N, C-alpha and C. Protein backbone atom coordinates (compact mmCIF):
# COMPACT_ATOMS: atom_id res chain seq x y z
N MET A 1 11.15 7.16 15.87
CA MET A 1 11.71 6.23 14.78
C MET A 1 10.79 6.08 13.66
N ALA A 2 11.50 6.18 12.42
CA ALA A 2 10.67 6.03 11.22
C ALA A 2 10.22 4.59 11.11
N PHE A 3 9.05 4.44 10.63
CA PHE A 3 8.41 3.02 10.33
C PHE A 3 8.36 2.79 8.94
N HIS A 4 8.91 1.43 8.63
CA HIS A 4 9.16 0.97 7.23
C HIS A 4 8.24 -0.33 6.99
N LEU A 5 7.81 -0.31 5.68
CA LEU A 5 7.11 -1.53 5.35
C LEU A 5 7.69 -1.98 3.78
N SER A 6 7.96 -3.13 3.54
CA SER A 6 8.39 -3.57 2.23
C SER A 6 8.02 -4.99 1.99
N GLY A 7 7.63 -5.10 0.74
CA GLY A 7 7.24 -6.62 0.51
C GLY A 7 6.58 -6.53 -0.93
N THR A 8 5.65 -7.69 -1.06
CA THR A 8 4.79 -7.80 -2.26
C THR A 8 3.30 -8.01 -1.85
N ILE A 9 2.46 -7.70 -2.94
CA ILE A 9 1.14 -7.78 -2.91
C ILE A 9 0.92 -8.47 -4.33
N THR A 10 0.24 -9.87 -4.13
CA THR A 10 -0.19 -10.61 -5.29
C THR A 10 -1.49 -10.58 -5.60
N VAL A 11 -2.07 -10.04 -6.65
CA VAL A 11 -3.48 -9.78 -6.87
C VAL A 11 -3.91 -10.88 -7.78
N PRO A 12 -5.14 -11.53 -7.31
CA PRO A 12 -5.89 -12.47 -8.25
C PRO A 12 -5.96 -12.02 -9.62
N PRO A 13 -5.85 -12.77 -10.71
CA PRO A 13 -6.21 -12.28 -12.09
C PRO A 13 -7.74 -11.42 -12.19
N ASN A 14 -8.84 -12.17 -11.52
CA ASN A 14 -10.01 -11.52 -11.60
C ASN A 14 -10.02 -10.18 -11.18
N ASP A 15 -9.31 -9.77 -10.13
CA ASP A 15 -9.40 -8.46 -9.53
C ASP A 15 -8.17 -7.62 -10.09
N LEU A 16 -7.46 -7.89 -10.97
CA LEU A 16 -6.37 -7.22 -11.30
C LEU A 16 -6.74 -5.70 -12.01
N GLU A 17 -7.92 -5.81 -12.62
CA GLU A 17 -8.43 -4.54 -13.41
C GLU A 17 -8.78 -3.52 -12.49
N ARG A 18 -9.46 -4.14 -11.50
CA ARG A 18 -10.06 -3.13 -10.17
C ARG A 18 -8.88 -2.57 -9.51
N VAL A 19 -7.92 -3.44 -9.39
CA VAL A 19 -6.79 -2.84 -8.43
C VAL A 19 -6.07 -1.89 -9.30
N LEU A 20 -5.85 -2.11 -10.52
CA LEU A 20 -5.05 -1.16 -11.39
C LEU A 20 -5.74 0.12 -11.42
N ALA A 21 -7.15 0.06 -11.50
CA ALA A 21 -7.95 1.42 -11.67
C ALA A 21 -7.87 2.13 -10.29
N ALA A 22 -7.81 1.40 -9.22
CA ALA A 22 -7.79 2.11 -7.83
C ALA A 22 -6.31 2.71 -7.41
N LEU A 23 -5.27 2.02 -8.13
CA LEU A 23 -4.03 2.37 -7.61
C LEU A 23 -3.53 3.74 -7.69
N ALA A 24 -3.58 4.40 -8.81
CA ALA A 24 -3.03 5.71 -8.94
C ALA A 24 -3.53 6.67 -7.78
N ASP A 25 -4.99 6.56 -7.46
CA ASP A 25 -5.37 7.40 -6.55
C ASP A 25 -5.13 6.88 -4.93
N HIS A 26 -4.85 5.71 -4.80
CA HIS A 26 -4.15 5.11 -3.57
C HIS A 26 -2.86 5.75 -3.45
N ILE A 27 -2.06 5.80 -4.36
CA ILE A 27 -0.78 6.22 -4.26
C ILE A 27 -0.73 7.73 -3.89
N LEU A 28 -1.46 8.52 -4.74
CA LEU A 28 -1.55 9.93 -4.49
C LEU A 28 -2.13 10.37 -2.99
N LEU A 29 -3.22 9.77 -2.65
CA LEU A 29 -3.87 9.86 -1.41
C LEU A 29 -2.71 9.51 -0.21
N THR A 30 -2.11 8.39 -0.39
CA THR A 30 -1.06 8.07 0.80
C THR A 30 0.12 9.08 0.75
N ARG A 31 0.65 9.31 -0.32
CA ARG A 31 1.62 10.32 -0.43
C ARG A 31 1.24 11.59 0.31
N ALA A 32 -0.01 12.06 0.10
CA ALA A 32 -0.36 13.36 0.75
C ALA A 32 -0.65 13.28 2.22
N GLU A 33 -0.65 12.19 2.70
CA GLU A 33 -0.96 11.80 4.28
C GLU A 33 0.19 12.56 5.05
N PRO A 34 -0.25 13.13 6.25
CA PRO A 34 0.77 13.68 7.17
C PRO A 34 1.77 12.36 7.70
N GLY A 35 3.00 12.68 7.61
CA GLY A 35 3.90 11.58 8.08
C GLY A 35 4.25 10.44 6.96
N CYS A 36 3.86 10.55 5.96
CA CYS A 36 4.31 9.86 5.03
C CYS A 36 5.58 10.40 4.29
N ARG A 37 6.88 9.81 4.32
CA ARG A 37 7.91 10.05 3.81
C ARG A 37 8.09 9.54 2.21
N SER A 38 7.73 8.47 2.11
CA SER A 38 7.80 7.65 0.61
C SER A 38 6.84 6.67 0.58
N PHE A 39 6.37 6.29 -0.63
CA PHE A 39 5.36 5.27 -0.84
C PHE A 39 5.35 4.82 -2.30
N SER A 40 5.56 3.60 -2.49
CA SER A 40 5.54 3.19 -3.88
C SER A 40 4.87 1.80 -3.97
N VAL A 41 4.17 1.73 -5.10
CA VAL A 41 3.54 0.34 -5.43
C VAL A 41 3.75 0.25 -6.86
N GLU A 42 4.62 -0.75 -7.29
CA GLU A 42 5.06 -1.04 -8.60
C GLU A 42 4.79 -2.32 -9.19
N GLU A 43 4.06 -2.71 -10.26
CA GLU A 43 3.89 -3.93 -10.94
C GLU A 43 5.22 -4.34 -11.46
N LYS A 44 5.76 -5.54 -10.96
CA LYS A 44 6.76 -6.01 -11.49
C LYS A 44 6.57 -7.14 -12.36
N GLU A 45 5.66 -7.86 -12.23
CA GLU A 45 5.29 -9.03 -13.06
C GLU A 45 3.61 -8.79 -13.01
N ASN A 46 2.81 -9.43 -13.92
CA ASN A 46 1.38 -9.54 -14.16
C ASN A 46 0.84 -9.97 -12.79
N GLY A 47 0.34 -9.00 -12.11
CA GLY A 47 -0.39 -9.29 -10.88
C GLY A 47 0.51 -9.25 -9.50
N VAL A 48 1.87 -9.06 -9.73
CA VAL A 48 2.71 -9.16 -8.60
C VAL A 48 3.25 -7.65 -8.43
N PHE A 49 2.98 -6.94 -7.24
CA PHE A 49 3.48 -5.60 -6.96
C PHE A 49 4.36 -5.51 -5.85
N LEU A 50 5.57 -4.70 -6.14
CA LEU A 50 6.44 -4.51 -5.13
C LEU A 50 5.90 -3.27 -4.38
N VAL A 51 5.99 -3.32 -2.96
CA VAL A 51 5.37 -2.19 -2.09
C VAL A 51 6.61 -1.78 -1.22
N SER A 52 6.86 -0.41 -1.19
CA SER A 52 7.72 0.35 -0.32
C SER A 52 6.99 1.31 0.46
N GLU A 53 7.13 1.49 1.60
CA GLU A 53 6.63 2.60 2.48
C GLU A 53 7.46 2.92 3.64
N GLU A 54 7.51 4.37 3.86
CA GLU A 54 8.17 4.85 4.82
C GLU A 54 7.40 5.98 5.46
N PHE A 55 7.03 5.92 6.77
CA PHE A 55 6.32 6.77 7.51
C PHE A 55 7.25 7.50 8.69
N ILE A 56 6.95 8.70 9.05
CA ILE A 56 7.81 9.26 10.19
C ILE A 56 7.71 8.35 11.40
N ASP A 57 6.73 7.65 11.72
CA ASP A 57 6.73 6.81 13.03
C ASP A 57 5.47 5.80 12.90
N ARG A 58 5.46 4.92 13.64
CA ARG A 58 4.41 3.79 13.78
C ARG A 58 3.06 4.51 13.75
N ALA A 59 2.76 5.61 14.49
CA ALA A 59 1.53 6.39 14.75
C ALA A 59 1.10 6.85 13.16
N ALA A 60 2.03 7.39 12.57
CA ALA A 60 1.64 7.84 11.13
C ALA A 60 1.16 6.47 10.24
N PHE A 61 1.85 5.48 10.40
CA PHE A 61 1.63 4.37 9.62
C PHE A 61 0.25 3.72 9.99
N GLU A 62 0.08 3.72 11.28
CA GLU A 62 -1.30 3.25 11.80
C GLU A 62 -2.44 4.03 11.35
N ALA A 63 -2.15 5.51 11.28
CA ALA A 63 -3.29 6.31 10.87
C ALA A 63 -3.50 6.05 9.26
N HIS A 64 -2.66 5.77 8.69
CA HIS A 64 -2.56 5.38 7.15
C HIS A 64 -3.42 4.09 7.00
N GLN A 65 -3.24 3.20 7.86
CA GLN A 65 -4.05 1.87 7.74
C GLN A 65 -5.49 2.33 8.07
N VAL A 66 -5.84 3.04 8.96
CA VAL A 66 -7.04 3.38 9.31
C VAL A 66 -7.91 4.07 8.13
N ARG A 67 -7.12 5.14 7.49
CA ARG A 67 -7.68 5.88 6.52
C ARG A 67 -8.16 4.99 5.36
N LEU A 68 -7.08 3.96 5.02
CA LEU A 68 -7.43 3.24 3.73
C LEU A 68 -8.41 2.10 3.84
N ARG A 69 -8.83 1.83 5.02
CA ARG A 69 -9.98 0.71 5.19
C ARG A 69 -11.26 1.02 4.46
N GLU A 70 -11.57 2.09 4.26
CA GLU A 70 -12.92 2.31 3.57
C GLU A 70 -12.70 2.95 2.12
N THR A 71 -11.59 2.72 1.39
CA THR A 71 -11.21 3.24 0.27
C THR A 71 -11.54 2.30 -0.91
N PRO A 72 -11.76 2.87 -2.20
CA PRO A 72 -11.62 2.02 -3.36
C PRO A 72 -10.66 0.86 -3.53
N TRP A 73 -9.51 1.37 -3.00
CA TRP A 73 -8.31 0.48 -2.98
C TRP A 73 -8.37 -0.71 -2.13
N ALA A 74 -8.98 -0.56 -0.94
CA ALA A 74 -9.30 -1.52 0.15
C ALA A 74 -10.25 -2.45 -0.47
N ALA A 75 -11.28 -2.04 -1.26
CA ALA A 75 -12.26 -2.75 -1.75
C ALA A 75 -11.77 -3.58 -2.81
N ALA A 76 -10.75 -3.05 -3.78
CA ALA A 76 -10.45 -3.76 -4.90
C ALA A 76 -9.32 -4.85 -4.58
N SER A 77 -8.58 -4.45 -3.45
CA SER A 77 -7.36 -5.46 -3.24
C SER A 77 -7.69 -6.30 -2.04
N VAL A 78 -8.97 -6.48 -1.74
CA VAL A 78 -9.34 -7.20 -0.44
C VAL A 78 -9.05 -8.80 -0.53
N ASN A 79 -8.89 -9.23 -1.97
CA ASN A 79 -8.39 -10.77 -2.01
C ASN A 79 -7.05 -10.92 -2.32
N ALA A 80 -6.22 -9.85 -2.26
CA ALA A 80 -4.93 -9.90 -2.56
C ALA A 80 -4.05 -10.67 -1.38
N VAL A 81 -2.95 -11.10 -1.74
CA VAL A 81 -2.11 -11.79 -0.81
C VAL A 81 -0.99 -10.86 -0.49
N ARG A 82 -0.92 -10.44 0.57
CA ARG A 82 0.13 -9.46 1.15
C ARG A 82 1.33 -10.24 1.78
N ASN A 83 2.57 -9.88 1.34
CA ASN A 83 3.71 -10.56 2.11
C ASN A 83 4.64 -9.44 2.37
N TYR A 84 4.58 -8.82 3.71
CA TYR A 84 5.29 -7.83 4.07
C TYR A 84 6.24 -7.90 5.20
N LYS A 85 7.24 -7.15 5.25
CA LYS A 85 7.93 -7.11 6.56
C LYS A 85 7.94 -5.72 7.06
N THR A 86 7.98 -5.37 8.36
CA THR A 86 7.97 -4.06 8.82
C THR A 86 9.15 -4.05 9.67
N TRP A 87 9.63 -2.76 9.92
CA TRP A 87 10.78 -2.34 10.97
C TRP A 87 10.74 -1.02 11.24
N GLU A 88 11.39 -0.73 12.20
CA GLU A 88 11.68 0.70 12.76
C GLU A 88 12.96 0.95 12.71
N THR A 89 13.44 2.30 12.28
CA THR A 89 14.84 2.76 12.44
C THR A 89 14.86 4.13 13.05
């Protein structure tokens, strides 16, 4: 079953520059992961990003979560507030 994630990430103003600097690589690396069907992070208003992810299954999504833990993106976005929902189809 495909695994989906959708929601928002709200970045504190003091972290926004670092998050924006890390975002392009985060997107490229995630899209290149085995099992990633789609991945987008788009800033809709200052510091608020819409996130949409689809992986082939929960295992691929969990592998993504493990990979990103030690990345510049993880460090830059550590203080961000995440409001996500997940589901399988």
